Protein backbone atom coordinates (compact mmCIF):
# COMPACT_ATOMS: atom_id res chain seq x y z
CA MET A 1 0.00 0.00 0.00
CA SER A 2 1.36 3.39 -1.01
CA LEU A 3 1.36 6.21 1.53
CA CYS A 4 1.94 9.89 0.81
CA ARG A 5 3.50 12.49 3.09
CA ARG A 6 4.08 16.22 2.74
CA TYR A 7 7.29 17.63 4.19
CA LEU A 8 8.26 21.24 4.89
CA VAL A 9 11.99 21.66 5.46
CA SER A 10 13.35 24.83 7.11
CA GLY A 11 16.88 26.16 7.49
CA ARG A 12 19.59 26.74 4.93
CA VAL A 13 17.95 24.59 2.28
CA GLN A 14 17.86 26.81 -0.81
CA GLY A 15 20.92 27.40 -2.97
CA VAL A 16 22.64 24.23 -1.68
CA PHE A 17 21.30 21.67 -4.21
CA TYR A 18 18.69 20.46 -1.72
CA ARG A 19 15.95 19.90 -4.32
CA SER A 20 18.06 17.89 -6.76
CA SER A 21 19.61 15.86 -3.93
CA ALA A 22 16.15 15.18 -2.46
CA ARG A 23 14.90 14.07 -5.90
CA ASP A 24 17.85 11.71 -6.34
CA THR A 25 17.39 10.29 -2.84
CA ALA A 26 13.64 9.80 -3.32
CA ARG A 27 14.15 8.07 -6.64
CA ARG A 28 16.82 5.80 -5.14
CA LEU A 29 14.30 4.85 -2.42
CA GLY A 30 11.62 4.06 -5.03
CA LEU A 31 9.40 7.01 -4.07
CA THR A 32 7.29 9.18 -6.35
CA GLY A 33 6.20 12.80 -5.93
CA TRP A 34 7.86 16.20 -6.21
CA VAL A 35 10.01 18.82 -4.47
CA ARG A 36 10.05 22.62 -4.82
CA ASN A 37 11.37 25.80 -3.22
CA LEU A 38 8.91 28.05 -1.41
CA ASN A 39 9.10 31.84 -1.42
CA ASP A 40 9.65 31.88 2.36
CA GLY A 41 12.96 29.98 2.07
CA ARG A 42 11.64 26.52 2.90
CA VAL A 43 11.59 23.45 0.67
CA GLU A 44 8.33 21.50 0.22
CA LEU A 45 8.14 17.85 -0.79
CA VAL A 46 5.32 15.42 -1.40
CA ALA A 47 6.53 11.82 -1.46
CA CYS A 48 4.60 8.59 -1.96
CA GLY A 49 5.68 5.01 -1.40
CA ASP A 50 6.01 2.41 1.32
CA ASP A 51 6.34 3.36 4.98
CA ALA A 52 9.97 2.20 5.35
CA ALA A 53 11.14 4.23 2.34
CA LEU A 54 9.29 7.31 3.58
CA ASP A 55 10.96 6.92 6.98
CA ARG A 56 14.38 6.74 5.30
CA LEU A 57 13.59 9.86 3.27
CA HIS A 58 12.54 11.65 6.46
CA ASP A 59 15.88 10.76 8.05
CA TRP A 60 17.73 12.04 4.97
CA LEU A 61 15.75 15.31 4.95
CA TRP A 62 17.26 16.19 8.35
CA GLN A 63 20.74 15.83 6.85
CA GLY A 64 20.31 16.98 3.26
CA PRO A 65 23.25 17.68 0.95
CA PRO A 66 26.65 18.75 2.35
CA HIS A 67 26.04 22.52 2.57
CA ALA A 68 22.49 22.34 3.97
CA GLN A 69 21.75 23.30 7.56
CA VAL A 70 18.33 21.88 8.42
CA ARG A 71 16.52 23.43 11.39
CA GLN A 72 13.13 21.73 11.13
CA VAL A 73 11.26 19.07 9.15
CA GLU A 74 7.48 19.16 9.44
CA VAL A 75 5.56 16.16 8.14
CA GLN A 76 1.90 15.35 7.56
CA GLU A 77 0.08 12.45 5.95
CA VAL A 78 -1.73 13.29 2.71
CA GLY A 79 -3.92 11.05 0.62
CA GLY A 80 -5.41 10.56 -2.81
CA LEU A 81 -2.22 11.32 -4.74
CA LEU A 82 -0.62 9.38 -7.59
CA PHE A 83 2.65 10.19 -9.36
CA SER A 84 4.71 8.28 -11.90
CA ASP A 85 8.13 9.71 -10.97
CA PHE A 86 9.80 12.10 -8.53
CA ASP A 87 10.36 15.54 -10.05
CA VAL A 88 11.70 18.97 -9.18
CA ARG A 89 9.03 21.63 -9.58
CA TYR A 90 9.91 25.22 -10.40
């Protein structure tokens, strides 16, 4: 059964390749969905897949790429979504 979660990541997460690294990590974990920058400096993701893969993504989001400095990761369950890949949205 596929679950979907929405993540809001705060800190130094823009301008450090966070979106592309998150996309690559999500794809490696077999997740679908998308990631984008928000105007307020946060990064938003929606990811769908199995519970274990989503938990591993959540752990990665706290670390991010080498130059990221993550202060907070908010997560909420969302439903009724279906994606064929994991993309960066602009």
